[in-house]
Amino acid sequence: MERTIAIIFLALAVVALPTASFACDAFIGAGINLNKQFGDTINFNLGKNIGIGDTAFGLAGLNLGVTWGVNYDLNALAGYPYGYGGLGSVTQGDLGYFLDLTVDAANGAGFNGGSWGVPLFEQGVTTTHYGQRVAEQAQINDVQVLLPYTAMLMA
């Protein structure tokens, strides 16, 4: 008699588990989201400009800019998908950094002798620009799942 009841309960469990798997889609677990960006820009303006009316000028300038940053965006979820009979975890996200460097330089001089009775007008200005960027972005996609009842559902 007890053996018959045990077999009936086992048969009911075998029939109920696949039915519950398709009927329920609840999730028992925990998730976390981490998202942060750090960065800043630093500008250095160095140089000197000298002017004597409309007669002469001299300039020397240097602008240096540095921009940097680090960012991450991680999402993690772990738990038990109720009704599907398993345990799982999912991790997705991005990790990255960047560094920008710009340099602008100007040098020049000029002289106008027309006001002094010397018909001479000369000037020369040179400029230099340099810009460089280094950046890297990595993506993370990781899924770990344990489904012990999968073979039974497909049989």
Protein backbone atom coordinates (compact mmCIF):
# COMPACT_ATOMS: atom_id res chain seq x y z
CA MET A 1 0.00 0.00 0.00
CA GLU A 2 2.76 2.45 0.93
CA ARG A 3 4.67 1.55 -2.21
CA THR A 4 1.61 2.31 -4.33
CA ILE A 5 1.16 5.73 -2.69
CA ALA A 6 4.86 6.53 -3.22
CA ILE A 7 4.61 5.61 -6.91
CA ILE A 8 1.48 7.77 -7.30
CA PHE A 9 3.23 10.77 -5.66
CA LEU A 10 6.29 10.26 -7.86
CA ALA A 11 4.10 10.15 -10.99
CA LEU A 12 2.29 13.31 -9.87
CA ALA A 13 5.64 15.07 -9.31
CA VAL A 14 6.88 14.04 -12.77
CA VAL A 15 3.70 15.43 -14.35
CA ALA A 16 3.57 18.57 -12.15
CA LEU A 17 7.16 19.74 -12.68
CA PRO A 18 6.92 20.26 -16.48
CA THR A 19 3.48 21.83 -16.06
CA ALA A 20 4.80 24.25 -13.43
CA SER A 21 7.78 25.01 -15.64
CA PHE A 22 5.60 26.36 -18.43
CA ALA A 23 2.98 27.97 -16.18
CA CYS A 24 5.29 30.07 -13.97
CA ASP A 25 7.83 32.68 -14.92
CA ALA A 26 8.67 34.17 -11.52
CA PHE A 27 12.23 34.85 -10.45
CA ILE A 28 13.71 34.65 -6.97
CA GLY A 29 17.11 36.30 -6.77
CA ALA A 30 19.04 39.54 -6.59
CA GLY A 31 20.50 41.98 -9.06
CA ILE A 32 22.98 44.82 -8.84
CA ASN A 33 23.84 47.68 -11.18
CA LEU A 34 27.16 49.53 -10.93
CA ASN A 35 27.61 52.52 -13.21
CA LYS A 36 30.20 55.25 -12.71
CA GLN A 37 32.32 57.61 -14.77
CA PHE A 38 35.40 59.43 -13.54
CA GLY A 39 37.20 62.05 -15.57
CA ASP A 40 38.38 65.60 -15.86
CA THR A 41 39.94 68.12 -18.20
CA ILE A 42 43.01 70.18 -17.36
CA ASN A 43 44.02 73.17 -19.49
CA PHE A 44 47.33 75.02 -19.28
CA ASN A 45 47.58 78.39 -21.06
CA LEU A 46 51.16 79.64 -21.11
CA GLY A 47 52.58 82.49 -23.09
CA LYS A 48 53.19 86.16 -23.37
CA ASN A 49 52.06 88.77 -25.88
CA ILE A 50 53.90 92.06 -26.23
CA GLY A 51 52.62 94.91 -28.38
CA ILE A 52 53.94 98.40 -29.01
CA GLY A 53 51.05 100.23 -30.63
CA ASP A 54 50.91 99.48 -34.34
CA THR A 55 54.68 99.40 -34.61
CA ALA A 56 55.78 96.03 -33.25
CA PHE A 57 54.44 92.93 -31.62
CA GLY A 58 55.80 89.70 -30.26
CA LEU A 59 53.88 86.66 -29.16
CA ALA A 60 54.67 83.30 -27.71
CA GLY A 61 51.81 81.09 -26.65
CA LEU A 62 51.31 77.50 -25.63
CA ASN A 63 48.00 75.86 -24.82
CA LEU A 64 48.12 72.35 -23.44
CA GLY A 65 44.95 70.35 -22.75
CA VAL A 66 44.67 66.95 -21.09
CA THR A 67 41.35 65.09 -20.82
CA TRP A 68 41.14 61.73 -19.07
CA GLY A 69 38.42 59.38 -17.98
CA VAL A 70 37.56 55.92 -16.69
CA ASN A 71 34.10 54.39 -16.88
CA TYR A 72 32.38 51.17 -15.94
CA ASP A 73 28.85 49.92 -16.31
CA LEU A 74 28.27 46.47 -14.80
CA ASN A 75 24.98 44.63 -14.31
CA ALA A 76 24.79 41.33 -12.44
CA LEU A 77 21.79 39.13 -11.76
CA ALA A 78 21.74 35.79 -9.93
CA GLY A 79 18.98 33.59 -8.65
CA TYR A 80 16.48 30.85 -9.14
CA PRO A 81 13.97 31.12 -12.01
CA TYR A 82 10.94 29.63 -10.25
CA GLY A 83 9.22 27.02 -12.35
CA TYR A 84 12.23 26.28 -14.56
CA GLY A 85 14.16 24.31 -11.96
CA GLY A 86 17.61 25.82 -12.15
CA LEU A 87 20.09 28.33 -10.85
CA GLY A 88 21.72 31.00 -12.92
CA SER A 89 23.74 34.19 -13.05
CA VAL A 90 24.16 36.80 -15.76
CA THR A 91 26.85 39.50 -15.87
CA GLN A 92 26.95 42.17 -18.56
CA GLY A 93 28.80 45.41 -18.76
CA ASP A 94 31.41 47.72 -20.21
CA LEU A 95 34.80 48.82 -18.91
CA GLY A 96 36.77 51.59 -20.53
CA TYR A 97 39.25 54.42 -20.33
CA PHE A 98 40.35 57.34 -22.50
CA LEU A 99 43.14 59.93 -22.58
CA ASP A 100 43.23 62.98 -24.85
CA LEU A 101 46.19 65.30 -25.31
CA THR A 102 46.13 68.49 -27.37
CA VAL A 103 48.91 71.02 -27.82
CA ASP A 104 48.50 74.36 -29.62
CA ALA A 105 51.52 76.64 -29.92
CA ALA A 106 52.00 80.00 -31.64
CA ASN A 107 55.18 82.04 -32.05
CA GLY A 108 55.56 85.24 -33.97
CA ALA A 109 56.93 88.72 -34.30
CA GLY A 110 56.20 91.72 -36.47
CA PHE A 111 57.57 95.21 -37.13
CA ASN A 112 56.05 98.14 -39.05
CA GLY A 113 58.55 100.93 -39.62
CA GLY A 114 56.12 103.17 -41.54
CA SER A 115 55.45 105.30 -38.45
CA TRP A 116 59.19 105.87 -38.01
CA GLY A 117 59.91 106.82 -41.59
CA VAL A 118 61.25 103.41 -42.50
CA PRO A 119 59.05 101.75 -45.13
CA LEU A 120 59.50 98.27 -43.77
CA PHE A 121 56.76 95.89 -42.76
CA GLU A 122 57.65 92.38 -41.74
CA GLN A 123 55.90 89.75 -39.70
CA GLY A 124 56.01 86.05 -39.21
CA VAL A 125 53.73 83.79 -37.19
CA THR A 126 53.99 80.03 -36.93
CA THR A 127 51.46 77.73 -35.32
CA THR A 128 51.66 74.10 -34.31
CA HIS A 129 48.77 71.80 -33.46
CA TYR A 130 49.04 68.30 -32.04
CA GLY A 131 46.15 66.09 -30.97
CA GLN A 132 46.21 62.49 -29.84
CA ARG A 133 43.57 60.20 -28.31
CA VAL A 134 44.01 56.82 -26.66
CA ALA A 135 40.88 54.88 -25.71
CA GLU A 136 39.85 51.33 -24.96
CA GLN A 137 36.44 49.80 -24.35
CA ALA A 138 35.86 46.20 -23.25
CA GLN A 139 32.52 44.41 -23.09
CA ILE A 140 31.66 41.65 -20.65
CA ASN A 141 28.94 39.07 -21.37
CA ASP A 142 28.89 36.08 -19.07
CA VAL A 143 26.02 33.65 -18.42
CA GLN A 144 26.24 30.71 -16.04
CA VAL A 145 23.16 28.46 -15.83
CA LEU A 146 22.44 25.13 -14.19
CA LEU A 147 19.22 23.50 -15.41
CA PRO A 148 18.94 20.04 -13.83
CA TYR A 149 15.49 19.28 -15.29
CA THR A 150 16.32 20.10 -18.92
CA ALA A 151 16.91 16.49 -19.94
CA MET A 152 13.63 15.42 -18.33
CA LEU A 153 11.65 18.12 -20.17
CA MET A 154 13.04 17.17 -23.55
CA ALA A 155 12.49 13.43 -23.11
